[in-house]
Amino acid sequence: MRDVLTLAAPPGLIVDVTSLEQALGELRAPRPDRATTMVLVKSPHVAHRLWTGGVTYSKLNVGGLGMAPGRRTVFKNIALSDEEFALLRDLHARGVQITLLTVPGEKAKDFADLLER
């Protein structure tokens, strides 16, 4: 996976693949030279753990979460379990703007729209 992520990155972009604990340490540390950071995580659980571990962020894009036992489709091919949905709801309540996007360039869906159902 490390090789795939590194090869997929645009030239000149620094890619660092770490464990959750390493990421918490790195992302909480003050870095005046860091203008923007994109963090790819495997699940809503990891996104929530980063937040509760002290790594705050303003936006979260959810994509690539397909069907699995206990999950239901919420938008196109994005499916969430009740627990994953609750974690995203909590992040939303903390002020994180969450969008659901399956393919770059397509129209995204605002997670807040799912809360209105």
PDB file of N, CA and C in Angstrom:
ATOM      1  N   MET A   1       0.828  -1.193   0.000  1.00  0.00           N
ATOM      2  CA  MET A   1       0.000   0.000   0.000  1.00  0.00           C
ATOM      3  C   MET A   1       0.870   1.253   0.000  1.00  0.00           C
ATOM      4  N   ARG A   2       1.959   1.217   0.738  1.00  0.00           N
ATOM      5  CA  ARG A   2       2.887   2.351   0.791  1.00  0.00           C
ATOM      6  C   ARG A   2       3.378   2.697  -0.615  1.00  0.00           C
ATOM      7  N   ASP A   3       3.751   1.684  -1.391  1.00  0.00           N
ATOM      8  CA  ASP A   3       4.240   1.904  -2.757  1.00  0.00           C
ATOM      9  C   ASP A   3       3.154   2.495  -3.647  1.00  0.00           C
ATOM     10  N   VAL A   4       1.936   1.989  -3.527  1.00  0.00           N
ATOM     11  CA  VAL A   4       0.825   2.480  -4.345  1.00  0.00           C
ATOM     12  C   VAL A   4       0.573   3.956  -4.056  1.00  0.00           C
ATOM     13  N   LEU A   5       0.523   4.328  -2.793  1.00  0.00           N
ATOM     14  CA  LEU A   5       0.276   5.722  -2.422  1.00  0.00           C
ATOM     15  C   LEU A   5       1.403   6.631  -2.899  1.00  0.00           C
ATOM     16  N   THR A   6       2.621   6.171  -2.749  1.00  0.00           N
ATOM     17  CA  THR A   6       3.768   6.972  -3.173  1.00  0.00           C
ATOM     18  C   THR A   6       3.771   7.169  -4.684  1.00  0.00           C
ATOM     19  N   LEU A   7       3.509   6.108  -5.432  1.00  0.00           N
ATOM     20  CA  LEU A   7       3.495   6.200  -6.891  1.00  0.00           C
ATOM     21  C   LEU A   7       2.319   7.026  -7.411  1.00  0.00           C
ATOM     22  N   ALA A   8       1.216   7.042  -6.680  1.00  0.00           N
ATOM     23  CA  ALA A   8       0.027   7.769  -7.127  1.00  0.00           C
ATOM     24  C   ALA A   8       0.124   9.272  -6.877  1.00  0.00           C
ATOM     25  N   ALA A   9       1.032   9.684  -6.027  1.00  0.00           N
ATOM     26  CA  ALA A   9       1.147  11.103  -5.676  1.00  0.00           C
ATOM     27  C   ALA A   9       1.778  11.896  -6.815  1.00  0.00           C
ATOM     28  N   PRO A  10       1.338  13.140  -6.984  1.00  0.00           N
ATOM     29  CA  PRO A  10       1.964  14.000  -7.995  1.00  0.00           C
ATOM     30  C   PRO A  10       3.450  14.219  -7.683  1.00  0.00           C
ATOM     31  N   PRO A  11       4.248  14.445  -8.706  1.00  0.00           N
ATOM     32  CA  PRO A  11       5.678  14.701  -8.474  1.00  0.00           C
ATOM     33  C   PRO A  11       5.882  15.887  -7.534  1.00  0.00           C
ATOM     34  N   GLY A  12       6.830  15.749  -6.637  1.00  0.00           N
ATOM     35  CA  GLY A  12       7.142  16.822  -5.702  1.00  0.00           C
ATOM     36  C   GLY A  12       6.338  16.792  -4.418  1.00  0.00           C
ATOM     37  N   LEU A  13       5.303  15.968  -4.356  1.00  0.00           N
ATOM     38  CA  LEU A  13       4.488  15.869  -3.145  1.00  0.00           C
ATOM     39  C   LEU A  13       5.146  14.885  -2.188  1.00  0.00           C
ATOM     40  N   ILE A  14       5.303  15.292  -0.959  1.00  0.00           N
ATOM     41  CA  ILE A  14       5.900  14.419   0.047  1.00  0.00           C
ATOM     42  C   ILE A  14       4.831  13.459   0.549  1.00  0.00           C
ATOM     43  N   VAL A  15       5.112  12.174   0.494  1.00  0.00           N
ATOM     44  CA  VAL A  15       4.183  11.149   0.968  1.00  0.00           C
ATOM     45  C   VAL A  15       4.824  10.441   2.150  1.00  0.00           C
ATOM     46  N   ASP A  16       4.101  10.376   3.236  1.00  0.00           N
ATOM     47  CA  ASP A  16       4.590   9.701   4.434  1.00  0.00           C
ATOM     48  C   ASP A  16       3.490   8.757   4.905  1.00  0.00           C
ATOM     49  N   VAL A  17       3.773   7.479   4.920  1.00  0.00           N
ATOM     50  CA  VAL A  17       2.813   6.467   5.360  1.00  0.00           C
ATOM     51  C   VAL A  17       3.208   6.047   6.768  1.00  0.00           C
ATOM     52  N   THR A  18       2.284   6.229   7.715  1.00  0.00           N
ATOM     53  CA  THR A  18       2.599   5.962   9.119  1.00  0.00           C
ATOM     54  C   THR A  18       1.470   5.205   9.802  1.00  0.00           C
ATOM     55  N   SER A  19       1.749   4.808  11.016  1.00  0.00           N
ATOM     56  CA  SER A  19       0.711   4.223  11.867  1.00  0.00           C
ATOM     57  C   SER A  19      -0.125   5.357  12.444  1.00  0.00           C
ATOM     58  N   LEU A  20      -1.244   5.018  13.029  1.00  0.00           N
ATOM     59  CA  LEU A  20      -2.099   6.026  13.663  1.00  0.00           C
ATOM     60  C   LEU A  20      -1.346   6.755  14.764  1.00  0.00           C
ATOM     61  N   GLU A  21      -0.632   6.027  15.583  1.00  0.00           N
ATOM     62  CA  GLU A  21       0.098   6.658  16.688  1.00  0.00           C
ATOM     63  C   GLU A  21       1.185   7.595  16.178  1.00  0.00           C
ATOM     64  N   GLN A  22       1.902   7.200  15.121  1.00  0.00           N
ATOM     65  CA  GLN A  22       2.912   8.078  14.536  1.00  0.00           C
ATOM     66  C   GLN A  22       2.254   9.331  13.953  1.00  0.00           C
ATOM     67  N   ALA A  23       1.119   9.143  13.291  1.00  0.00           N
ATOM     68  CA  ALA A  23       0.410  10.274  12.688  1.00  0.00           C
ATOM     69  C   ALA A  23      -0.042  11.255  13.770  1.00  0.00           C
ATOM     70  N   LEU A  24      -0.545  10.735  14.874  1.00  0.00           N
ATOM     71  CA  LEU A  24      -0.964  11.621  15.969  1.00  0.00           C
ATOM     72  C   LEU A  24       0.199  12.486  16.440  1.00  0.00           C
ATOM     73  N   GLY A  25       1.364  11.883  16.616  1.00  0.00           N
ATOM     74  CA  GLY A  25       2.532  12.629  17.057  1.00  0.00           C
ATOM     75  C   GLY A  25       2.966  13.671  16.034  1.00  0.00           C
ATOM     76  N   GLU A  26       3.032  13.277  14.779  1.00  0.00           N
ATOM     77  CA  GLU A  26       3.465  14.186  13.706  1.00  0.00           C
ATOM     78  C   GLU A  26       2.487  15.333  13.500  1.00  0.00           C
ATOM     79  N   LEU A  27       1.200  15.015  13.429  1.00  0.00           N
ATOM     80  CA  LEU A  27       0.209  16.026  13.073  1.00  0.00           C
ATOM     81  C   LEU A  27      -0.123  16.971  14.223  1.00  0.00           C
ATOM     82  N   ARG A  28       0.121  16.561  15.447  1.00  0.00           N
ATOM     83  CA  ARG A  28      -0.097  17.458  16.588  1.00  0.00           C
ATOM     84  C   ARG A  28       1.067  18.410  16.788  1.00  0.00           C
ATOM     85  N   ALA A  29       2.244  18.039  16.284  1.00  0.00           N
ATOM     86  CA  ALA A  29       3.434  18.874  16.464  1.00  0.00           C
ATOM     87  C   ALA A  29       3.315  20.154  15.653  1.00  0.00           C
ATOM     88  N   PRO A  30       3.673  21.292  16.247  1.00  0.00           N
ATOM     89  CA  PRO A  30       3.631  22.556  15.503  1.00  0.00           C
ATOM     90  C   PRO A  30       4.623  22.527  14.340  1.00  0.00           C
ATOM     91  N   ARG A  31       4.166  22.918  13.165  1.00  0.00           N
ATOM     92  CA  ARG A  31       5.014  22.959  11.966  1.00  0.00           C
ATOM     93  C   ARG A  31       4.702  24.234  11.211  1.00  0.00           C
ATOM     94  N   PRO A  32       5.425  25.323  11.477  1.00  0.00           N
ATOM     95  CA  PRO A  32       5.132  26.580  10.800  1.00  0.00           C
ATOM     96  C   PRO A  32       5.287  26.500   9.284  1.00  0.00           C
ATOM     97  N   ASP A  33       6.071  25.525   8.803  1.00  0.00           N
ATOM     98  CA  ASP A  33       6.294  25.387   7.357  1.00  0.00           C
ATOM     99  C   ASP A  33       5.177  24.606   6.668  1.00  0.00           C
ATOM    100  N   ARG A  34       4.245  24.084   7.443  1.00  0.00           N
ATOM    101  CA  ARG A  34       3.176  23.261   6.869  1.00  0.00           C
ATOM    102  C   ARG A  34       1.989  24.152   6.522  1.00  0.00           C
ATOM    103  N   ALA A  35       1.779  24.367   5.231  1.00  0.00           N
ATOM    104  CA  ALA A  35       0.658  25.198   4.791  1.00  0.00           C
ATOM    105  C   ALA A  35      -0.615  24.364   4.698  1.00  0.00           C
ATOM    106  N   THR A  36      -0.535  23.251   4.018  1.00  0.00           N
ATOM    107  CA  THR A  36      -1.686  22.380   3.821  1.00  0.00           C
ATOM    108  C   THR A  36      -1.227  20.934   3.907  1.00  0.00           C
ATOM    109  N   THR A  37      -2.028  20.128   4.540  1.00  0.00           N
ATOM    110  CA  THR A  37      -1.722  18.707   4.644  1.00  0.00           C
ATOM    111  C   THR A  37      -2.959  17.912   4.282  1.00  0.00           C
ATOM    112  N   MET A  38      -2.779  16.924   3.423  1.00  0.00           N
ATOM    113  CA  MET A  38      -3.861  15.997   3.110  1.00  0.00           C
ATOM    114  C   MET A  38      -3.538  14.691   3.821  1.00  0.00           C
ATOM    115  N   VAL A  39      -4.509  14.190   4.557  1.00  0.00           N
ATOM    116  CA  VAL A  39      -4.323  12.949   5.289  1.00  0.00           C
ATOM    117  C   VAL A  39      -5.331  11.944   4.750  1.00  0.00           C
ATOM    118  N   LEU A  40      -4.838  10.806   4.316  1.00  0.00           N
ATOM    119  CA  LEU A  40      -5.707   9.725   3.862  1.00  0.00           C
ATOM    120  C   LEU A  40      -5.823   8.722   4.994  1.00  0.00           C
ATOM    121  N   VAL A  41      -7.046   8.382   5.342  1.00  0.00           N
ATOM    122  CA  VAL A  41      -7.282   7.411   6.411  1.00  0.00           C
ATOM    123  C   VAL A  41      -8.149   6.284   5.868  1.00  0.00           C
ATOM    124  N   LYS A  42      -8.098   5.149   6.546  1.00  0.00           N
ATOM    125  CA  LYS A  42      -8.804   3.967   6.058  1.00  0.00           C
ATOM    126  C   LYS A  42     -10.278   3.923   6.435  1.00  0.00           C
ATOM    127  N   SER A  43     -10.661   4.674   7.463  1.00  0.00           N
ATOM    128  CA  SER A  43     -12.033   4.534   7.934  1.00  0.00           C
ATOM    129  C   SER A  43     -12.477   5.744   8.744  1.00  0.00           C
ATOM    130  N   PRO A  44     -13.792   5.877   8.943  1.00  0.00           N
ATOM    131  CA  PRO A  44     -14.280   6.922   9.844  1.00  0.00           C
ATOM    132  C   PRO A  44     -13.734   6.762  11.268  1.00  0.00           C
ATOM    133  N   HIS A  45     -13.441   5.525  11.665  1.00  0.00           N
ATOM    134  CA  HIS A  45     -12.875   5.298  12.999  1.00  0.00           C
ATOM    135  C   HIS A  45     -11.540   6.018  13.145  1.00  0.00           C
ATOM    136  N   VAL A  46     -10.693   5.921  12.126  1.00  0.00           N
ATOM    137  CA  VAL A  46      -9.378   6.568  12.180  1.00  0.00           C
ATOM    138  C   VAL A  46      -9.539   8.087  12.127  1.00  0.00           C
ATOM    139  N   ALA A  47     -10.425   8.591  11.283  1.00  0.00           N
ATOM    140  CA  ALA A  47     -10.667  10.032  11.203  1.00  0.00           C
ATOM    141  C   ALA A  47     -11.120  10.562  12.569  1.00  0.00           C
ATOM    142  N   HIS A  48     -12.001   9.832  13.217  1.00  0.00           N
ATOM    143  CA  HIS A  48     -12.507  10.237  14.532  1.00  0.00           C
ATOM    144  C   HIS A  48     -11.411  10.141  15.584  1.00  0.00           C
ATOM    145  N   ARG A  49     -10.601   9.104  15.520  1.00  0.00           N
ATOM    146  CA  ARG A  49      -9.509   8.930  16.485  1.00  0.00           C
ATOM    147  C   ARG A  49      -8.478  10.045  16.354  1.00  0.00           C
ATOM    148  N   LEU A  50      -8.191  10.470  15.125  1.00  0.00           N
ATOM    149  CA  LEU A  50      -7.278  11.600  14.936  1.00  0.00           C
ATOM    150  C   LEU A  50      -7.834  12.834  15.639  1.00  0.00           C
ATOM    151  N   TRP A  51      -9.130  13.100  15.416  1.00  0.00           N
ATOM    152  CA  TRP A  51      -9.753  14.285  16.015  1.00  0.00           C
ATOM    153  C   TRP A  51      -9.700  14.215  17.547  1.00  0.00           C
ATOM    154  N   THR A  52     -10.132  13.101  18.097  1.00  0.00           N
ATOM    155  CA  THR A  52     -10.157  12.983  19.562  1.00  0.00           C
ATOM    156  C   THR A  52      -8.748  12.914  20.135  1.00  0.00           C
ATOM    157  N   GLY A  53      -7.767  12.586  19.286  1.00  0.00           N
ATOM    158  CA  GLY A  53      -6.370  12.563  19.714  1.00  0.00           C
ATOM    159  C   GLY A  53      -5.684  13.915  19.605  1.00  0.00           C
ATOM    160  N   GLY A  54      -6.429  14.947  19.193  1.00  0.00           N
ATOM    161  CA  GLY A  54      -5.874  16.283  19.175  1.00  0.00           C
ATOM    162  C   GLY A  54      -5.516  16.836  17.808  1.00  0.00           C
ATOM    163  N   VAL A  55      -5.831  16.103  16.750  1.00  0.00           N
ATOM    164  CA  VAL A  55      -5.567  16.586  15.393  1.00  0.00           C
ATOM    165  C   VAL A  55      -6.879  17.137  14.849  1.00  0.00           C
ATOM    166  N   THR A  56      -7.033  18.449  14.879  1.00  0.00           N
ATOM    167  CA  THR A  56      -8.268  19.052  14.394  1.00  0.00           C
ATOM    168  C   THR A  56      -8.135  19.383  12.917  1.00  0.00           C
ATOM    169  N   TYR A  57      -9.235  19.322  12.228  1.00  0.00           N
ATOM    170  CA  TYR A  57      -9.281  19.619  10.803  1.00  0.00           C
ATOM    171  C   TYR A  57     -10.652  20.167  10.483  1.00  0.00           C
ATOM    172  N   SER A  58     -10.740  20.891   9.364  1.00  0.00           N
ATOM    173  CA  SER A  58     -12.000  21.545   9.032  1.00  0.00           C
ATOM    174  C   SER A  58     -12.827  20.788   8.012  1.00  0.00           C
ATOM    175  N   LYS A  59     -12.179  19.943   7.201  1.00  0.00           N
ATOM    176  CA  LYS A  59     -12.899  19.233   6.145  1.00  0.00           C
ATOM    177  C   LYS A  59     -12.517  17.764   6.113  1.00  0.00           C
ATOM    178  N   LEU A  60     -13.492  16.950   5.753  1.00  0.00           N
ATOM    179  CA  LEU A  60     -13.282  15.512   5.607  1.00  0.00           C
ATOM    180  C   LEU A  60     -14.060  15.048   4.391  1.00  0.00           C
ATOM    181  N   ASN A  61     -13.378  14.388   3.483  1.00  0.00           N
ATOM    182  CA  ASN A  61     -14.029  13.801   2.323  1.00  0.00           C
ATOM    183  C   ASN A  61     -14.117  12.302   2.551  1.00  0.00           C
ATOM    184  N   VAL A  62     -15.304  11.747   2.405  1.00  0.00           N
ATOM    185  CA  VAL A  62     -15.503  10.313   2.574  1.00  0.00           C
ATOM    186  C   VAL A  62     -15.741   9.698   1.202  1.00  0.00           C
ATOM    187  N   GLY A  63     -14.984   8.668   0.895  1.00  0.00           N
ATOM    188  CA  GLY A  63     -15.140   7.953  -0.364  1.00  0.00           C
ATOM    189  C   GLY A  63     -14.495   6.588  -0.226  1.00  0.00           C
ATOM    190  N   GLY A  64     -14.826   5.701  -1.114  1.00  0.00           N
ATOM    191  CA  GLY A  64     -14.181   4.391  -1.108  1.00  0.00           C
ATOM    192  C   GLY A  64     -14.601   3.475   0.019  1.00  0.00           C
ATOM    193  N   LEU A  65     -15.770   3.670   0.570  1.00  0.00           N
ATOM    194  CA  LEU A  65     -16.278   2.765   1.610  1.00  0.00           C
ATOM    195  C   LEU A  65     -17.420   1.949   1.014  1.00  0.00           C
ATOM    196  N   GLY A  66     -17.089   0.790   0.521  1.00  0.00           N
ATOM    197  CA  GLY A  66     -18.076  -0.052  -0.143  1.00  0.00           C
ATOM    198  C   GLY A  66     -18.894  -0.886   0.825  1.00  0.00           C
ATOM    199  N   MET A  67     -19.767  -1.670   0.252  1.00  0.00           N
ATOM    200  CA  MET A  67     -20.638  -2.538   1.047  1.00  0.00           C
ATOM    201  C   MET A  67     -19.831  -3.595   1.786  1.00  0.00           C
ATOM    202  N   ALA A  68     -20.296  -3.891   2.974  1.00  0.00           N
ATOM    203  CA  ALA A  68     -19.743  -4.942   3.822  1.00  0.00           C
ATOM    204  C   ALA A  68     -20.842  -5.311   4.804  1.00  0.00           C
ATOM    205  N   PRO A  69     -20.717  -6.450   5.457  1.00  0.00           N
ATOM    206  CA  PRO A  69     -21.739  -6.812   6.436  1.00  0.00           C
ATOM    207  C   PRO A  69     -21.946  -5.708   7.467  1.00  0.00           C
ATOM    208  N   GLY A  70     -23.191  -5.360   7.699  1.00  0.00           N
ATOM    209  CA  GLY A  70     -23.539  -4.329   8.679  1.00  0.00           C
ATOM    210  C   GLY A  70     -23.540  -2.917   8.130  1.00  0.00           C
ATOM    211  N   ARG A  71     -23.218  -2.759   6.861  1.00  0.00           N
ATOM    212  CA  ARG A  71     -23.221  -1.430   6.249  1.00  0.00           C
ATOM    213  C   ARG A  71     -24.424  -1.275   5.331  1.00  0.00           C
ATOM    214  N   ARG A  72     -24.867  -0.011   5.170  1.00  0.00           N
ATOM    215  CA  ARG A  72     -25.936   0.296   4.219  1.00  0.00           C
ATOM    216  C   ARG A  72     -25.465   1.436   3.335  1.00  0.00           C
ATOM    217  N   THR A  73     -25.917   1.440   2.111  1.00  0.00           N
ATOM    218  CA  THR A  73     -25.531   2.470   1.163  1.00  0.00           C
ATOM    219  C   THR A  73     -26.135   3.811   1.569  1.00  0.00           C
ATOM    220  N   VAL A  74     -25.298   4.849   1.593  1.00  0.00           N
ATOM    221  CA  VAL A  74     -25.777   6.185   1.934  1.00  0.00           C
ATOM    222  C   VAL A  74     -25.663   7.146   0.755  1.00  0.00           C
ATOM    223  N   PHE A  75     -24.769   6.839  -0.196  1.00  0.00           N
ATOM    224  CA  PHE A  75     -24.600   7.694  -1.375  1.00  0.00           C
ATOM    225  C   PHE A  75     -23.788   6.919  -2.404  1.00  0.00           C
ATOM    226  N   LYS A  76     -24.387   6.718  -3.574  1.00  0.00           N
ATOM    227  CA  LYS A  76     -23.732   5.977  -4.661  1.00  0.00           C
ATOM    228  C   LYS A  76     -23.110   4.699  -4.111  1.00  0.00           C
ATOM    229  N   ASN A  77     -21.773   4.536  -4.238  1.00  0.00           N
ATOM    230  CA  ASN A  77     -21.168   3.302  -3.731  1.00  0.00           C
ATOM    231  C   ASN A  77     -20.493   3.487  -2.367  1.00  0.00           C
ATOM    232  N   ILE A  78     -20.949   4.463  -1.592  1.00  0.00           N
ATOM    233  CA  ILE A  78     -20.441   4.676  -0.238  1.00  0.00           C
ATOM    234  C   ILE A  78     -21.448   4.079   0.745  1.00  0.00           C
ATOM    235  N   ALA A  79     -20.952   3.185   1.581  1.00  0.00           N
ATOM    236  CA  ALA A  79     -21.801   2.520   2.568  1.00  0.00           C
ATOM    237  C   ALA A  79     -21.189   2.700   3.958  1.00  0.00           C
ATOM    238  N   LEU A  80     -22.042   2.842   4.954  1.00  0.00           N
ATOM    239  CA  LEU A  80     -21.602   3.059   6.326  1.00  0.00           C
ATOM    240  C   LEU A  80     -22.364   2.152   7.280  1.00  0.00           C
ATOM    241  N   SER A  81     -21.686   1.723   8.331  1.00  0.00           N
ATOM    242  CA  SER A  81     -22.372   1.025   9.421  1.00  0.00           C
ATOM    243  C   SER A  81     -22.997   2.087  10.314  1.00  0.00           C
ATOM    244  N   ASP A  82     -23.861   1.671  11.216  1.00  0.00           N
ATOM    245  CA  ASP A  82     -24.457   2.615  12.165  1.00  0.00           C
ATOM    246  C   ASP A  82     -23.376   3.291  13.001  1.00  0.00           C
ATOM    247  N   GLU A  83     -22.359   2.534  13.396  1.00  0.00           N
ATOM    248  CA  GLU A  83     -21.274   3.086  14.206  1.00  0.00           C
ATOM    249  C   GLU A  83     -20.470   4.123  13.405  1.00  0.00           C
ATOM    250  N   GLU A  84     -20.154   3.813  12.148  1.00  0.00           N
ATOM    251  CA  GLU A  84     -19.419   4.766  11.303  1.00  0.00           C
ATOM    252  C   GLU A  84     -20.234   6.038  11.089  1.00  0.00           C
ATOM    253  N   PHE A  85     -21.532   5.875  10.879  1.00  0.00           N
ATOM    254  CA  PHE A  85     -22.409   7.025  10.707  1.00  0.00           C
ATOM    255  C   PHE A  85     -22.393   7.903  11.960  1.00  0.00           C
ATOM    256  N   ALA A  86     -22.442   7.270  13.132  1.00  0.00           N
ATOM    257  CA  ALA A  86     -22.430   8.013  14.402  1.00  0.00           C
ATOM    258  C   ALA A  86     -21.111   8.759  14.591  1.00  0.00           C
ATOM    259  N   LEU A  87     -19.997   8.154  14.199  1.00  0.00           N
ATOM    260  CA  LEU A  87     -18.706   8.823  14.309  1.00  0.00           C
ATOM    261  C   LEU A  87     -18.657  10.052  13.408  1.00  0.00           C
ATOM    262  N   LEU A  88     -19.174   9.919  12.196  1.00  0.00           N
ATOM    263  CA  LEU A  88     -19.214  11.063  11.279  1.00  0.00           C
ATOM    264  C   LEU A  88     -20.168  12.133  11.791  1.00  0.00           C
ATOM    265  N   ARG A  89     -21.284  11.724  12.361  1.00  0.00           N
ATOM    266  CA  ARG A  89     -22.226  12.690  12.943  1.00  0.00           C
ATOM    267  C   ARG A  89     -21.539  13.478  14.054  1.00  0.00           C
ATOM    268  N   ASP A  90     -20.748  12.797  14.869  1.00  0.00           N
ATOM    269  CA  ASP A  90     -20.033  13.473  15.946  1.00  0.00           C
ATOM    270  C   ASP A  90     -19.016  14.473  15.376  1.00  0.00           C
ATOM    271  N   LEU A  91     -18.273  14.086  14.353  1.00  0.00           N
ATOM    272  CA  LEU A  91     -17.321  15.011  13.731  1.00  0.00           C
ATOM    273  C   LEU A  91     -18.051  16.221  13.143  1.00  0.00           C
ATOM    274  N   HIS A  92     -19.186  15.963  12.508  1.00  0.00           N
ATOM    275  CA  HIS A  92     -19.997  17.049  11.951  1.00  0.00           C
ATOM    276  C   HIS A  92     -20.435  18.012  13.065  1.00  0.00           C
ATOM    277  N   ALA A  93     -20.863  17.454  14.179  1.00  0.00           N
ATOM    278  CA  ALA A  93     -21.293  18.284  15.310  1.00  0.00           C
ATOM    279  C   ALA A  93     -20.139  19.111  15.878  1.00  0.00           C
ATOM    280  N   ARG A  94     -18.914  18.655  15.688  1.00  0.00           N
ATOM    281  CA  ARG A  94     -17.729  19.376  16.160  1.00  0.00           C
ATOM    282  C   ARG A  94     -17.270  20.431  15.152  1.00  0.00           C
ATOM    283  N   GLY A  95     -18.007  20.559  14.034  1.00  0.00           N
ATOM    284  CA  GLY A  95     -17.700  21.600  13.069  1.00  0.00           C
ATOM    285  C   GLY A  95     -16.957  21.154  11.825  1.00  0.00           C
ATOM    286  N   VAL A  96     -16.748  19.850  11.665  1.00  0.00           N
ATOM    287  CA  VAL A  96     -16.055  19.353  10.476  1.00  0.00           C
ATOM    288  C   VAL A  96     -17.040  19.314   9.306  1.00  0.00           C
ATOM    289  N   GLN A  97     -16.662  19.925   8.196  1.00  0.00           N
ATOM    290  CA  GLN A  97     -17.473  19.881   6.980  1.00  0.00           C
ATOM    291  C   GLN A  97     -17.180  18.551   6.285  1.00  0.00           C
ATOM    292  N   ILE A  98     -18.178  17.696   6.184  1.00  0.00           N
ATOM    293  CA  ILE A  98     -17.996  16.353   5.620  1.00  0.00           C
ATOM    294  C   ILE A  98     -18.726  16.258   4.295  1.00  0.00           C
ATOM    295  N   THR A  99     -18.003  15.796   3.286  1.00  0.00           N
ATOM    296  CA  THR A  99     -18.606  15.555   1.983  1.00  0.00           C
ATOM    297  C   THR A  99     -18.403  14.107   1.589  1.00  0.00           C
ATOM    298  N   LEU A 100     -19.339  13.604   0.826  1.00  0.00           N
ATOM    299  CA  LEU A 100     -19.248  12.250   0.276  1.00  0.00           C
ATOM    300  C   LEU A 100     -18.943  12.393  -1.202  1.00  0.00           C
ATOM    301  N   LEU A 101     -17.864  11.778  -1.638  1.00  0.00           N
ATOM    302  CA  LEU A 101     -17.433  11.903  -3.026  1.00  0.00           C
ATOM    303  C   LEU A 101     -16.840  10.586  -3.478  1.00  0.00           C
ATOM    304  N   THR A 102     -17.412  10.015  -4.522  1.00  0.00           N
ATOM    305  CA  THR A 102     -16.937   8.713  -4.986  1.00  0.00           C
ATOM    306  C   THR A 102     -15.813   8.828  -5.993  1.00  0.00           C
ATOM    307  N   VAL A 103     -15.896   9.796  -6.898  1.00  0.00           N
ATOM    308  CA  VAL A 103     -14.900   9.969  -7.952  1.00  0.00           C
ATOM    309  C   VAL A 103     -14.604  11.462  -8.086  1.00  0.00           C
ATOM    310  N   PRO A 104     -13.321  11.842  -8.098  1.00  0.00           N
ATOM    311  CA  PRO A 104     -12.999  13.267  -8.285  1.00  0.00           C
ATOM    312  C   PRO A 104     -13.652  13.809  -9.553  1.00  0.00           C
ATOM    313  N   GLY A 105     -14.180  15.006  -9.451  1.00  0.00           N
ATOM    314  CA  GLY A 105     -14.828  15.633 -10.595  1.00  0.00           C
ATOM    315  C   GLY A 105     -16.336  15.443 -10.622  1.00  0.00           C
ATOM    316  N   GLU A 106     -16.836  14.438  -9.913  1.00  0.00           N
ATOM    317  CA  GLU A 106     -18.286  14.246  -9.834  1.00  0.00           C
ATOM    318  C   GLU A 106     -18.855  15.136  -8.739  1.00  0.00           C
ATOM    319  N   LYS A 107     -20.166  15.297  -8.758  1.00  0.00           N
ATOM    320  CA  LYS A 107     -20.843  16.111  -7.742  1.00  0.00           C
ATOM    321  C   LYS A 107     -20.789  15.383  -6.393  1.00  0.00           C
ATOM    322  N   ALA A 108     -20.380  16.118  -5.377  1.00  0.00           N
ATOM    323  CA  ALA A 108     -20.304  15.573  -4.021  1.00  0.00           C
ATOM    324  C   ALA A 108     -21.640  15.765  -3.309  1.00  0.00           C
ATOM    325  N   LYS A 109     -21.827  15.022  -2.238  1.00  0.00           N
ATOM    326  CA  LYS A 109     -23.014  15.167  -1.398  1.00  0.00           C
ATOM    327  C   LYS A 109     -22.559  15.615  -0.020  1.00  0.00           C
ATOM    328  N   ASP A 110     -23.256  16.570   0.539  1.00  0.00           N
ATOM    329  CA  ASP A 110     -22.950  17.050   1.876  1.00  0.00           C
ATOM    330  C   ASP A 110     -23.499  16.051   2.895  1.00  0.00           C
ATOM    331  N   PHE A 111     -22.673  15.649   3.858  1.00  0.00           N
ATOM    332  CA  PHE A 111     -23.094  14.709   4.884  1.00  0.00           C
ATOM    333  C   PHE A 111     -24.298  15.243   5.663  1.00  0.00           C
ATOM    334  N   ALA A 112     -24.359  16.545   5.830  1.00  0.00           N
ATOM    335  CA  ALA A 112     -25.473  17.158   6.561  1.00  0.00           C
ATOM    336  C   ALA A 112     -26.812  16.802   5.932  1.00  0.00           C
ATOM    337  N   ASP A 113     -26.833  16.591   4.614  1.00  0.00           N
ATOM    338  CA  ASP A 113     -28.080  16.192   3.940  1.00  0.00           C
ATOM    339  C   ASP A 113     -28.598  14.851   4.452  1.00  0.00           C
ATOM    340  N   LEU A 114     -27.693  13.977   4.866  1.00  0.00           N
ATOM    341  CA  LEU A 114     -28.110  12.658   5.389  1.00  0.00           C
ATOM    342  C   LEU A 114     -28.739  12.782   6.767  1.00  0.00           C
ATOM    343  N   LEU A 115     -28.398  13.846   7.480  1.00  0.00           N
ATOM    344  CA  LEU A 115     -28.924  14.036   8.832  1.00  0.00           C
ATOM    345  C   LEU A 115     -30.357  14.542   8.813  1.00  0.00           C
ATOM    346  N   GLU A 116     -30.782  15.072   7.677  1.00  0.00           N
ATOM    347  CA  GLU A 116     -32.123  15.633   7.566  1.00  0.00           C
ATOM    348  C   GLU A 116     -33.187  14.569   7.325  1.00  0.00           C
ATOM    349  N   ARG A 117     -32.760  13.346   7.039  1.00  0.00           N
ATOM    350  CA  ARG A 117     -33.721  12.262   6.766  1.00  0.00           C
ATOM    351  C   ARG A 117     -34.424  11.821   8.012  1.00  0.00           C
TER     352      ARG A 117
END
